[in-house]
C-alpha atoms as a PDB file:
ATOM      1  CA  UNK A   1     -30.672  22.422  19.081  1.00  0.00           C
ATOM      2  CA  UNK A   2     -29.593  24.166  16.120  1.00  0.00           C
ATOM      3  CA  UNK A   3     -29.420  21.797  12.856  1.00  0.00           C
ATOM      4  CA  UNK A   4     -25.633  21.901  11.327  1.00  0.00           C
ATOM      5  CA  UNK A   5     -25.131  22.085   7.580  1.00  0.00           C
ATOM      6  CA  UNK A   6     -23.522  18.851   6.310  1.00  0.00           C
ATOM      7  CA  UNK A   7     -21.613  18.265   3.505  1.00  0.00           C
ATOM      8  CA  UNK A   8     -20.323  15.153   1.478  1.00  0.00           C
ATOM      9  CA  UNK A   9     -16.879  15.217  -0.456  1.00  0.00           C
ATOM     10  CA  UNK A  10     -15.127  13.815  -3.364  1.00  0.00           C
ATOM     11  CA  UNK A  11     -11.361  13.250  -4.131  1.00  0.00           C
ATOM     12  CA  UNK A  12      -9.949  12.541  -7.531  1.00  0.00           C
ATOM     13  CA  UNK A  13      -6.802  10.443  -8.198  1.00  0.00           C
ATOM     14  CA  UNK A  14      -5.796  10.493 -11.537  1.00  0.00           C
ATOM     15  CA  UNK A  15      -2.342   8.871 -13.030  1.00  0.00           C
ATOM     16  CA  UNK A  16      -2.252   5.859 -10.705  1.00  0.00           C
ATOM     17  CA  UNK A  17      -3.456   2.108 -11.098  1.00  0.00           C
ATOM     18  CA  UNK A  18      -6.538   0.975  -9.795  1.00  0.00           C
ATOM     19  CA  UNK A  19      -7.474  -2.610  -8.786  1.00  0.00           C
ATOM     20  CA  UNK A  20     -10.733  -2.188 -10.893  1.00  0.00           C
ATOM     21  CA  UNK A  21     -12.821  -3.859  -7.468  1.00  0.00           C
ATOM     22  CA  UNK A  22     -14.815  -0.719  -5.743  1.00  0.00           C
ATOM     23  CA  UNK A  23     -14.024  -1.185  -1.650  1.00  0.00           C
ATOM     24  CA  UNK A  24     -15.427   0.533   1.251  1.00  0.00           C
ATOM     25  CA  UNK A  25     -13.823   2.117   4.551  1.00  0.00           C
ATOM     26  CA  UNK A  26     -14.675   4.317   7.388  1.00  0.00           C
ATOM     27  CA  UNK A  27     -12.861   7.051   8.753  1.00  0.00           C
ATOM     28  CA  UNK A  28     -13.343   8.672  12.192  1.00  0.00           C
ATOM     29  CA  UNK A  29     -13.340  11.981  12.486  1.00  0.00           C
ATOM     30  CA  UNK A  30     -14.306  13.904  15.681  1.00  0.00           C
ATOM     31  CA  UNK A  31     -16.349  10.587  17.071  1.00  0.00           C
ATOM     32  CA  UNK A  32     -18.338  10.649  13.927  1.00  0.00           C
ATOM     33  CA  UNK A  33     -17.480   7.567  11.685  1.00  0.00           C
ATOM     34  CA  UNK A  34     -17.996   8.369   7.917  1.00  0.00           C
ATOM     35  CA  UNK A  35     -18.291   6.332   4.996  1.00  0.00           C
ATOM     36  CA  UNK A  36     -15.649   6.222   2.236  1.00  0.00           C
ATOM     37  CA  UNK A  37     -16.784   4.419  -1.031  1.00  0.00           C
ATOM     38  CA  UNK A  38     -13.569   3.843  -3.725  1.00  0.00           C
ATOM     39  CA  UNK A  39     -14.470   3.521  -7.253  1.00  0.00           C
ATOM     40  CA  UNK A  40     -13.743   4.720 -10.614  1.00  0.00           C
ATOM     41  CA  UNK A  41     -15.631   6.072 -13.675  1.00  0.00           C
ATOM     42  CA  UNK A  42     -17.291   2.884 -14.777  1.00  0.00           C
ATOM     43  CA  UNK A  43     -18.171   1.167 -11.613  1.00  0.00           C
ATOM     44  CA  UNK A  44     -20.207   4.572 -10.312  1.00  0.00           C
ATOM     45  CA  UNK A  45     -22.410   4.148 -13.009  1.00  0.00           C
ATOM     46  CA  UNK A  46     -24.436   1.822 -10.029  1.00  0.00           C
ATOM     47  CA  UNK A  47     -23.780   3.970  -7.154  1.00  0.00           C
ATOM     48  CA  UNK A  48     -26.922   5.572  -5.253  1.00  0.00           C
ATOM     49  CA  UNK A  49     -27.828   9.266  -5.860  1.00  0.00           C
ATOM     50  CA  UNK A  50     -27.475  12.253  -5.662  1.00  0.00           C
ATOM     51  CA  UNK A  51     -23.654  10.589  -5.725  1.00  0.00           C
ATOM     52  CA  UNK A  52     -24.232   9.310  -9.244  1.00  0.00           C
ATOM     53  CA  UNK A  53     -25.501  12.406 -10.946  1.00  0.00           C
ATOM     54  CA  UNK A  54     -23.101  14.532  -8.699  1.00  0.00           C
ATOM     55  CA  UNK A  55     -20.382  12.549 -10.350  1.00  0.00           C
ATOM     56  CA  UNK A  56     -21.710  11.909 -14.328  1.00  0.00           C
ATOM     57  CA  UNK A  57     -23.724  15.460 -14.421  1.00  0.00           C
ATOM     58  CA  UNK A  58     -21.020  17.376 -13.024  1.00  0.00           C
ATOM     59  CA  UNK A  59     -17.857  16.344 -12.029  1.00  0.00           C
ATOM     60  CA  UNK A  60     -17.174  14.404 -15.419  1.00  0.00           C
ATOM     61  CA  UNK A  61     -19.164  16.894 -17.549  1.00  0.00           C
ATOM     62  CA  UNK A  62     -17.117  19.641 -15.887  1.00  0.00           C
ATOM     63  CA  UNK A  63     -13.816  18.057 -16.331  1.00  0.00           C
ATOM     64  CA  UNK A  64     -14.413  17.073 -20.152  1.00  0.00           C
ATOM     65  CA  UNK A  65     -14.812  20.594 -20.891  1.00  0.00           C
ATOM     66  CA  UNK A  66     -11.409  21.683 -18.958  1.00  0.00           C
ATOM     67  CA  UNK A  67      -8.888  18.614 -20.169  1.00  0.00           C
ATOM     68  CA  UNK A  68      -6.448  21.069 -21.031  1.00  0.00           C
ATOM     69  CA  UNK A  69      -6.080  22.113 -17.249  1.00  0.00           C
ATOM     70  CA  UNK A  70      -6.879  19.097 -15.640  1.00  0.00           C
ATOM     71  CA  UNK A  71      -6.792  15.206 -16.327  1.00  0.00           C
ATOM     72  CA  UNK A  72      -9.246  13.362 -18.302  1.00  0.00           C
ATOM     73  CA  UNK A  73     -12.025  12.401 -15.232  1.00  0.00           C
ATOM     74  CA  UNK A  74     -12.766   9.397 -17.223  1.00  0.00           C
ATOM     75  CA  UNK A  75      -9.573   7.957 -16.145  1.00  0.00           C
ATOM     76  CA  UNK A  76      -9.537   9.368 -12.467  1.00  0.00           C
ATOM     77  CA  UNK A  77     -10.428   7.315  -8.827  1.00  0.00           C
ATOM     78  CA  UNK A  78     -13.391   8.309  -6.734  1.00  0.00           C
ATOM     79  CA  UNK A  79     -12.970   8.883  -3.438  1.00  0.00           C
ATOM     80  CA  UNK A  80     -16.693  10.105  -2.147  1.00  0.00           C
ATOM     81  CA  UNK A  81     -17.924  10.372   1.402  1.00  0.00           C
ATOM     82  CA  UNK A  82     -21.170   8.908   1.586  1.00  0.00           C
ATOM     83  CA  UNK A  83     -22.700  10.287   4.638  1.00  0.00           C
ATOM     84  CA  UNK A  84     -21.771  13.712   5.891  1.00  0.00           C
ATOM     85  CA  UNK A  85     -19.671  15.582   7.856  1.00  0.00           C
ATOM     86  CA  UNK A  86     -20.222  18.992   9.947  1.00  0.00           C
ATOM     87  CA  UNK A  87     -19.469  22.223   7.717  1.00  0.00           C
ATOM     88  CA  UNK A  88     -17.710  24.125  11.145  1.00  0.00           C
ATOM     89  CA  UNK A  89     -14.930  21.699  10.754  1.00  0.00           C
ATOM     90  CA  UNK A  90     -15.110  20.331   7.247  1.00  0.00           C
ATOM     91  CA  UNK A  91     -11.702  22.735   6.503  1.00  0.00           C
ATOM     92  CA  UNK A  92      -9.850  20.102   9.109  1.00  0.00           C
ATOM     93  CA  UNK A  93     -11.177  17.034   7.822  1.00  0.00           C
ATOM     94  CA  UNK A  94     -10.831  17.611   3.930  1.00  0.00           C
ATOM     95  CA  UNK A  95      -7.299  19.324   4.117  1.00  0.00           C
ATOM     96  CA  UNK A  96      -5.803  17.020   6.239  1.00  0.00           C
ATOM     97  CA  UNK A  97      -7.436  13.616   4.516  1.00  0.00           C
ATOM     98  CA  UNK A  98      -6.452  15.242   1.142  1.00  0.00           C
ATOM     99  CA  UNK A  99      -2.600  15.746   2.695  1.00  0.00           C
ATOM    100  CA  UNK A 100      -2.947  11.681   3.742  1.00  0.00           C
ATOM    101  CA  UNK A 101      -4.046  10.688   0.524  1.00  0.00           C
ATOM    102  CA  UNK A 102      -1.149  12.666  -1.203  1.00  0.00           C
ATOM    103  CA  UNK A 103       1.410  10.851   1.069  1.00  0.00           C
ATOM    104  CA  UNK A 104       0.424   7.440   0.331  1.00  0.00           C
ATOM    105  CA  UNK A 105      -0.063   8.286  -3.371  1.00  0.00           C
ATOM    106  CA  UNK A 106       2.220  10.706  -4.373  1.00  0.00           C
ATOM    107  CA  UNK A 107       3.506  11.945  -7.555  1.00  0.00           C
ATOM    108  CA  UNK A 108       3.474  11.224 -10.466  1.00  0.00           C
ATOM    109  CA  UNK A 109       0.030  10.391  -9.404  1.00  0.00           C
ATOM    110  CA  UNK A 110      -2.200  13.375  -8.423  1.00  0.00           C
ATOM    111  CA  UNK A 111      -4.519  14.539  -5.913  1.00  0.00           C
ATOM    112  CA  UNK A 112      -7.500  16.639  -6.695  1.00  0.00           C
ATOM    113  CA  UNK A 113      -8.625  19.280  -3.722  1.00  0.00           C
ATOM    114  CA  UNK A 114     -11.932  18.289  -2.061  1.00  0.00           C
ATOM    115  CA  UNK A 115     -15.283  18.820  -4.618  1.00  0.00           C
ATOM    116  CA  UNK A 116     -18.026  19.359  -1.886  1.00  0.00           C
ATOM    117  CA  UNK A 117     -21.946  18.676  -2.530  1.00  0.00           C
ATOM    118  CA  UNK A 118     -24.171  20.751   0.503  1.00  0.00           C
ATOM    119  CA  UNK A 119     -27.807  19.441  -0.201  1.00  0.00           C
ATOM    120  CA  UNK A 120     -30.183  21.767  -1.354  1.00  0.00           C
ATOM    121  CA  UNK A 121     -27.414  24.517  -1.306  1.00  0.00           C
ATOM    122  CA  UNK A 122     -23.896  24.509  -3.200  1.00  0.00           C
ATOM    123  CA  UNK A 123     -21.979  22.258  -5.747  1.00  0.00           C
ATOM    124  CA  UNK A 124     -18.237  22.577  -5.635  1.00  0.00           C
ATOM    125  CA  UNK A 125     -16.395  21.321  -8.268  1.00  0.00           C
ATOM    126  CA  UNK A 126     -12.446  19.548  -7.800  1.00  0.00           C
ATOM    127  CA  UNK A 127      -9.536  21.923  -8.219  1.00  0.00           C
ATOM    128  CA  UNK A 128      -6.061  20.480  -9.770  1.00  0.00           C
ATOM    129  CA  UNK A 129      -3.898  23.183  -8.539  1.00  0.00           C
ATOM    130  CA  UNK A 130      -0.294  22.485 -10.017  1.00  0.00           C
ATOM    131  CA  UNK A 131      -1.727  19.702 -12.301  1.00  0.00           C
ATOM    132  CA  UNK A 132       0.788  18.856 -15.176  1.00  0.00           C
ATOM    133  CA  UNK A 133       0.525  16.455 -17.663  1.00  0.00           C
ATOM    134  CA  UNK A 134       2.842  13.384 -17.048  1.00  0.00           C
ATOM    135  CA  UNK A 135       4.243  10.980 -18.979  1.00  0.00           C
ATOM    136  CA  UNK A 136       4.876   8.664 -16.069  1.00  0.00           C
ATOM    137  CA  UNK A 137       2.417   6.808 -14.602  1.00  0.00           C
ATOM    138  CA  UNK A 138       2.622   6.110 -10.545  1.00  0.00           C
ATOM    139  CA  UNK A 139       3.324   2.155  -9.948  1.00  0.00           C
ATOM    140  CA  UNK A 140       1.067   2.153  -6.799  1.00  0.00           C
ATOM    141  CA  UNK A 141      -1.972   0.641  -7.166  1.00  0.00           C
ATOM    142  CA  UNK A 142      -5.089   1.711  -5.380  1.00  0.00           C
ATOM    143  CA  UNK A 143      -6.616  -0.990  -3.620  1.00  0.00           C
ATOM    144  CA  UNK A 144      -8.437  -1.958  -0.094  1.00  0.00           C
ATOM    145  CA  UNK A 145      -4.341  -2.666   1.399  1.00  0.00           C
ATOM    146  CA  UNK A 146      -2.809   0.588   0.414  1.00  0.00           C
ATOM    147  CA  UNK A 147      -5.767   2.811   1.495  1.00  0.00           C
ATOM    148  CA  UNK A 148      -5.384   1.335   4.791  1.00  0.00           C
ATOM    149  CA  UNK A 149      -2.624   3.219   5.418  1.00  0.00           C
ATOM    150  CA  UNK A 150      -4.567   6.418   4.385  1.00  0.00           C
ATOM    151  CA  UNK A 151      -6.514   5.646   7.134  1.00  0.00           C
ATOM    152  CA  UNK A 152      -3.897   5.161   9.393  1.00  0.00           C
ATOM    153  CA  UNK A 153      -2.283   8.283   8.642  1.00  0.00           C
ATOM    154  CA  UNK A 154      -4.969   9.923   9.036  1.00  0.00           C
ATOM    155  CA  UNK A 155      -5.858   8.606  12.767  1.00  0.00           C
ATOM    156  CA  UNK A 156      -2.572   9.603  13.790  1.00  0.00           C
ATOM    157  CA  UNK A 157      -2.233  12.983  12.732  1.00  0.00           C
ATOM    158  CA  UNK A 158      -6.143  13.775  13.579  1.00  0.00           C
ATOM    159  CA  UNK A 159      -5.374  12.607  16.608  1.00  0.00           C
ATOM    160  CA  UNK A 160      -2.890  14.648  17.875  1.00  0.00           C
ATOM    161  CA  UNK A 161      -3.413  18.405  19.378  1.00  0.00           C
ATOM    162  CA  UNK A 162      -0.773  19.932  17.607  1.00  0.00           C
ATOM    163  CA  UNK A 163      -0.432  20.048  13.867  1.00  0.00           C
ATOM    164  CA  UNK A 164       2.418  18.508  12.062  1.00  0.00           C
ATOM    165  CA  UNK A 165       0.937  18.393   8.735  1.00  0.00           C
ATOM    166  CA  UNK A 166       3.473  21.638   7.776  1.00  0.00           C
ATOM    167  CA  UNK A 167       6.978  19.038   7.427  1.00  0.00           C
ATOM    168  CA  UNK A 168       4.922  16.538   5.670  1.00  0.00           C
ATOM    169  CA  UNK A 169       3.682  19.052   2.975  1.00  0.00           C
ATOM    170  CA  UNK A 170       6.915  20.289   2.074  1.00  0.00           C
ATOM    171  CA  UNK A 171       8.386  16.411   2.248  1.00  0.00           C
ATOM    172  CA  UNK A 172       5.441  15.954  -0.125  1.00  0.00           C
ATOM    173  CA  UNK A 173       6.761  18.846  -2.836  1.00  0.00           C
ATOM    174  CA  UNK A 174      10.068  16.891  -3.244  1.00  0.00           C
ATOM    175  CA  UNK A 175       7.679  13.929  -4.631  1.00  0.00           C
ATOM    176  CA  UNK A 176       6.964  16.832  -7.388  1.00  0.00           C
ATOM    177  CA  UNK A 177       9.654  18.550  -8.650  1.00  0.00           C
ATOM    178  CA  UNK A 178       9.499  16.278 -11.640  1.00  0.00           C
ATOM    179  CA  UNK A 179      13.500  15.817 -11.810  1.00  0.00           C
ATOM    180  CA  UNK A 180      13.920  12.283 -10.647  1.00  0.00           C
ATOM    181  CA  UNK A 181      17.522  12.934 -10.350  1.00  0.00           C
ATOM    182  CA  UNK A 182      16.958  15.943  -7.941  1.00  0.00           C
ATOM    183  CA  UNK A 183      14.028  14.447  -6.071  1.00  0.00           C
ATOM    184  CA  UNK A 184      16.817  12.002  -5.097  1.00  0.00           C
ATOM    185  CA  UNK A 185      19.029  14.345  -3.860  1.00  0.00           C
ATOM    186  CA  UNK A 186      16.632  16.404  -1.863  1.00  0.00           C
ATOM    187  CA  UNK A 187      15.378  13.524  -0.137  1.00  0.00           C
ATOM    188  CA  UNK A 188      19.225  12.539   0.680  1.00  0.00           C
ATOM    189  CA  UNK A 189      19.532  16.376   1.873  1.00  0.00           C
ATOM    190  CA  UNK A 190      16.651  16.100   4.410  1.00  0.00           C
ATOM    191  CA  UNK A 191      17.921  12.877   5.777  1.00  0.00           C
ATOM    192  CA  UNK A 192      21.097  13.614   6.370  1.00  0.00           C
ATOM    193  CA  UNK A 193      19.904  17.160   7.856  1.00  0.00           C
ATOM    194  CA  UNK A 194      17.037  16.118  10.013  1.00  0.00           C
ATOM    195  CA  UNK A 195      18.433  12.810  11.425  1.00  0.00           C
ATOM    196  CA  UNK A 196      21.873  14.281  12.288  1.00  0.00           C
ATOM    197  CA  UNK A 197      22.254  13.965  15.827  1.00  0.00           C
ATOM    198  CA  UNK A 198      25.971  14.511  16.526  1.00  0.00           C
ATOM    199  CA  UNK A 199      27.856  17.934  16.315  1.00  0.00           C
ATOM    200  CA  UNK A 200      30.602  18.411  13.890  1.00  0.00           C
ATOM    201  CA  UNK A 201      29.731  17.815  10.136  1.00  0.00           C
ATOM    202  CA  UNK A 202      26.972  16.015   9.198  1.00  0.00           C
ATOM    203  CA  UNK A 203      26.897  12.035   7.552  1.00  0.00           C
ATOM    204  CA  UNK A 204      24.590  10.688   5.298  1.00  0.00           C
ATOM    205  CA  UNK A 205      25.547   7.077   6.499  1.00  0.00           C
ATOM    206  CA  UNK A 206      24.940   7.828  10.094  1.00  0.00           C
ATOM    207  CA  UNK A 207      21.507  10.020   9.932  1.00  0.00           C
ATOM    208  CA  UNK A 208      20.341   7.756   7.400  1.00  0.00           C
ATOM    209  CA  UNK A 209      20.723   4.351   9.958  1.00  0.00           C
ATOM    210  CA  UNK A 210      19.628   6.935  12.574  1.00  0.00           C
ATOM    211  CA  UNK A 211      16.292   7.336  10.357  1.00  0.00           C
ATOM    212  CA  UNK A 212      16.240   3.287   9.836  1.00  0.00           C
ATOM    213  CA  UNK A 213      16.489   2.689  13.689  1.00  0.00           C
ATOM    214  CA  UNK A 214      15.350   5.562  15.796  1.00  0.00           C
ATOM    215  CA  UNK A 215      11.982   5.913  13.295  1.00  0.00           C
ATOM    216  CA  UNK A 216      11.237   3.535  10.779  1.00  0.00           C
ATOM    217  CA  UNK A 217      11.690   0.243  12.448  1.00  0.00           C
ATOM    218  CA  UNK A 218      13.310   0.627  16.213  1.00  0.00           C
ATOM    219  CA  UNK A 219      14.383  -2.565  18.586  1.00  0.00           C
ATOM    220  CA  UNK A 220      16.082  -5.845  17.962  1.00  0.00           C
ATOM    221  CA  UNK A 221      13.186  -7.341  16.397  1.00  0.00           C
ATOM    222  CA  UNK A 222      13.431  -4.992  13.320  1.00  0.00           C
ATOM    223  CA  UNK A 223      17.142  -5.324  12.762  1.00  0.00           C
ATOM    224  CA  UNK A 224      16.476  -7.758   9.226  1.00  0.00           C
ATOM    225  CA  UNK A 225      13.806  -5.521   8.161  1.00  0.00           C
ATOM    226  CA  UNK A 226      16.845  -2.687   8.383  1.00  0.00           C
ATOM    227  CA  UNK A 227      18.789  -4.989   6.839  1.00  0.00           C
ATOM    228  CA  UNK A 228      17.202  -5.694   4.354  1.00  0.00           C
ATOM    229  CA  UNK A 229      16.225  -1.578   3.028  1.00  0.00           C
ATOM    230  CA  UNK A 230      20.192  -1.041   3.352  1.00  0.00           C
ATOM    231  CA  UNK A 231      20.500  -3.827   1.024  1.00  0.00           C
ATOM    232  CA  UNK A 232      18.558  -2.580  -1.142  1.00  0.00           C
ATOM    233  CA  UNK A 233      19.753   0.756  -1.384  1.00  0.00           C
ATOM    234  CA  UNK A 234      23.050  -0.808  -1.866  1.00  0.00           C
ATOM    235  CA  UNK A 235      22.603  -2.695  -4.566  1.00  0.00           C
ATOM    236  CA  UNK A 236      20.635  -0.337  -6.675  1.00  0.00           C
ATOM    237  CA  UNK A 237      23.777   1.967  -6.274  1.00  0.00           C
ATOM    238  CA  UNK A 238      25.760  -0.874  -7.173  1.00  0.00           C
ATOM    239  CA  UNK A 239      24.401  -0.794 -10.647  1.00  0.00           C
ATOM    240  CA  UNK A 240      25.819   2.543 -11.023  1.00  0.00           C
ATOM    241  CA  UNK A 241      28.785   3.046  -9.227  1.00  0.00           C
ATOM    242  CA  UNK A 242      29.673   1.669  -5.900  1.00  0.00           C
ATOM    243  CA  UNK A 243      27.932  -0.552  -3.270  1.00  0.00           C
ATOM    244  CA  UNK A 244      27.590   1.847  -0.651  1.00  0.00           C
ATOM    245  CA  UNK A 245      24.905   3.445   1.166  1.00  0.00           C
ATOM    246  CA  UNK A 246      25.799   6.791   0.778  1.00  0.00           C
ATOM    247  CA  UNK A 247      26.979   6.303  -3.288  1.00  0.00           C
ATOM    248  CA  UNK A 248      24.176   7.538  -4.977  1.00  0.00           C
ATOM    249  CA  UNK A 249      24.337  10.875  -2.907  1.00  0.00           C
ATOM    250  CA  UNK A 250      27.942  11.448  -3.989  1.00  0.00           C
ATOM    251  CA  UNK A 251      26.931  11.073  -7.445  1.00  0.00           C
ATOM    252  CA  UNK A 252      24.197  13.520  -7.670  1.00  0.00           C
ATOM    253  CA  UNK A 253      25.623  15.781  -5.228  1.00  0.00           C
ATOM    254  CA  UNK A 254      29.268  16.283  -6.641  1.00  0.00           C
ATOM    255  CA  UNK A 255      27.580  16.218 -10.457  1.00  0.00           C
ATOM    256  CA  UNK A 256      29.290  13.094 -11.752  1.00  0.00           C
ATOM    257  CA  UNK A 257      25.963  12.149 -13.316  1.00  0.00           C
ATOM    258  CA  UNK A 258      26.065  14.903 -15.993  1.00  0.00           C
ATOM    259  CA  UNK A 259      28.939  13.129 -17.378  1.00  0.00           C
ATOM    260  CA  UNK A 260      27.135   9.375 -17.262  1.00  0.00           C
ATOM    261  CA  UNK A 261      23.328   9.847 -16.986  1.00  0.00           C
ATOM    262  CA  UNK A 262      22.962   9.685 -20.882  1.00  0.00           C
ATOM    263  CA  UNK A 263      25.064   6.213 -20.837  1.00  0.00           C
ATOM    264  CA  UNK A 264      22.828   4.789 -17.930  1.00  0.00           C
ATOM    265  CA  UNK A 265      20.599   1.591 -19.112  1.00  0.00           C
ATOM    266  CA  UNK A 266      17.002   1.027 -18.303  1.00  0.00           C
ATOM    267  CA  UNK A 267      18.267  -1.271 -15.553  1.00  0.00           C
ATOM    268  CA  UNK A 268      20.411   1.917 -13.835  1.00  0.00           C
ATOM    269  CA  UNK A 269      17.056   3.924 -14.637  1.00  0.00           C
ATOM    270  CA  UNK A 270      14.860   1.450 -13.247  1.00  0.00           C
ATOM    271  CA  UNK A 271      16.923   1.102 -10.029  1.00  0.00           C
ATOM    272  CA  UNK A 272      17.014   4.987  -9.687  1.00  0.00           C
ATOM    273  CA  UNK A 273      13.218   5.249  -9.990  1.00  0.00           C
ATOM    274  CA  UNK A 274      12.541   2.391  -7.210  1.00  0.00           C
ATOM    275  CA  UNK A 275      14.789   3.971  -5.077  1.00  0.00           C
ATOM    276  CA  UNK A 276      13.478   7.511  -5.080  1.00  0.00           C
ATOM    277  CA  UNK A 277      10.096   5.790  -4.119  1.00  0.00           C
ATOM    278  CA  UNK A 278      11.609   3.833  -1.377  1.00  0.00           C
ATOM    279  CA  UNK A 279      13.732   6.694  -0.332  1.00  0.00           C
ATOM    280  CA  UNK A 280       9.802   8.723  -0.213  1.00  0.00           C
ATOM    281  CA  UNK A 281       8.023   5.713   1.655  1.00  0.00           C
ATOM    282  CA  UNK A 282      11.011   5.522   4.122  1.00  0.00           C
ATOM    283  CA  UNK A 283      11.191   9.637   5.275  1.00  0.00           C
ATOM    284  CA  UNK A 284       7.353   9.868   5.435  1.00  0.00           C
ATOM    285  CA  UNK A 285       6.583   6.710   7.424  1.00  0.00           C
ATOM    286  CA  UNK A 286       9.779   7.558   9.415  1.00  0.00           C
ATOM    287  CA  UNK A 287       8.159  10.687  10.264  1.00  0.00           C
ATOM    288  CA  UNK A 288       4.630   9.653  10.896  1.00  0.00           C
ATOM    289  CA  UNK A 289       6.225   7.225  13.590  1.00  0.00           C
ATOM    290  CA  UNK A 290       8.242  10.059  15.151  1.00  0.00           C
ATOM    291  CA  UNK A 291       5.551  12.196  15.028  1.00  0.00           C
ATOM    292  CA  UNK A 292       3.547   9.637  16.730  1.00  0.00           C
ATOM    293  CA  UNK A 293       6.080   8.692  19.517  1.00  0.00           C
ATOM    294  CA  UNK A 294       6.563  12.497  20.327  1.00  0.00           C
ATOM    295  CA  UNK A 295       2.987  12.779  20.974  1.00  0.00           C
ATOM    296  CA  UNK A 296       2.774  10.260  23.404  1.00  0.00           C
ATOM    297  CA  UNK A 297       6.205  11.244  25.278  1.00  0.00           C
ATOM    298  CA  UNK A 298       4.170  14.050  26.152  1.00  0.00           C
ATOM    299  CA  UNK A 299       1.510  12.647  27.737  1.00  0.00           C
END
C-alpha cells in the first residue's frame, strides 16, 4: 500500500478576544479524527515540536517582517492540527474548515489562509489576502463554547454530497464591506429576497418572520425564542426612530440616515453594531439549518 503524504495545518485569527486558556478539540474528516489545539503566542511556547519551531521560527519571524500587509502575529490566535491529514483531499478539508472559522468569527476579525507543514518536504506560511487594518475589534471571544459552533458547521457541511459553501461565502462577504450601515442594508436585502415565499412585491417583515419560523427556530416550542429576536430588533430600531421590525431597513434604504447619522449618540451606534452582528448570526444559522434540512429531505 502506497504511503500517503501527511500534512499539518495552521490558521491564524486576528483582531478578536481570546479566553487566554488553550483548549483541544476534535474534528472528523473522511472517517479520521483530527486533533486541534487552539492557543496564542504566549501559550505556544510550551507546545511540543515540531509545532513550537513552526510557529516561533517560521510563522512569527516571517509575519513580523511583513506587518505592513498582515496583522502582528504575536497578537493572533493559532489553530493547529496536531495530527496529519491526507494531502490527497487536503483542499476540501482546509477550505471548508476555514469557511466555518470565518462564519463563526466573522469580520472585523480576520482568518488567514491555511499555513501548511509537510515533514521533510515543505512549509507554507499563512496568507492574509484582503487584510486591512481595523480600528474595531470583534466582540466575540474564541473559547471552547464558541468553537463548538465551528465544529457543528463543519460537521453539517462536510456531511453533504452537494457543496453549498458558495452561498455562505457570499453572505460572509457582507461582513467585510467595512461600513456597518451598508452591511445592515445588505443583510436586510438578502433576508427580504431569500425568504420571500409569496407572489407579488416582497415585504421585509414577512420575509424576516419566515426566516425565523422556517429555518432559524422552528416549531411551537421555539416561539419564545423567535419573540425575543423580534423584540430585540424592534427595541434597537426604536432607539433611532420607530420600534418596528422593518424600520432600520426603511431608514437605510431611503437614505434617511444621511440626515441623521451625525446626531446619533453612543447608545444608538451600539444598537446598530449589535443589530448587524445579530443579523449576520441569524442569517448564517438559518442557512446552515436550511441546507441541513434540505439534504435530509433528499435522503
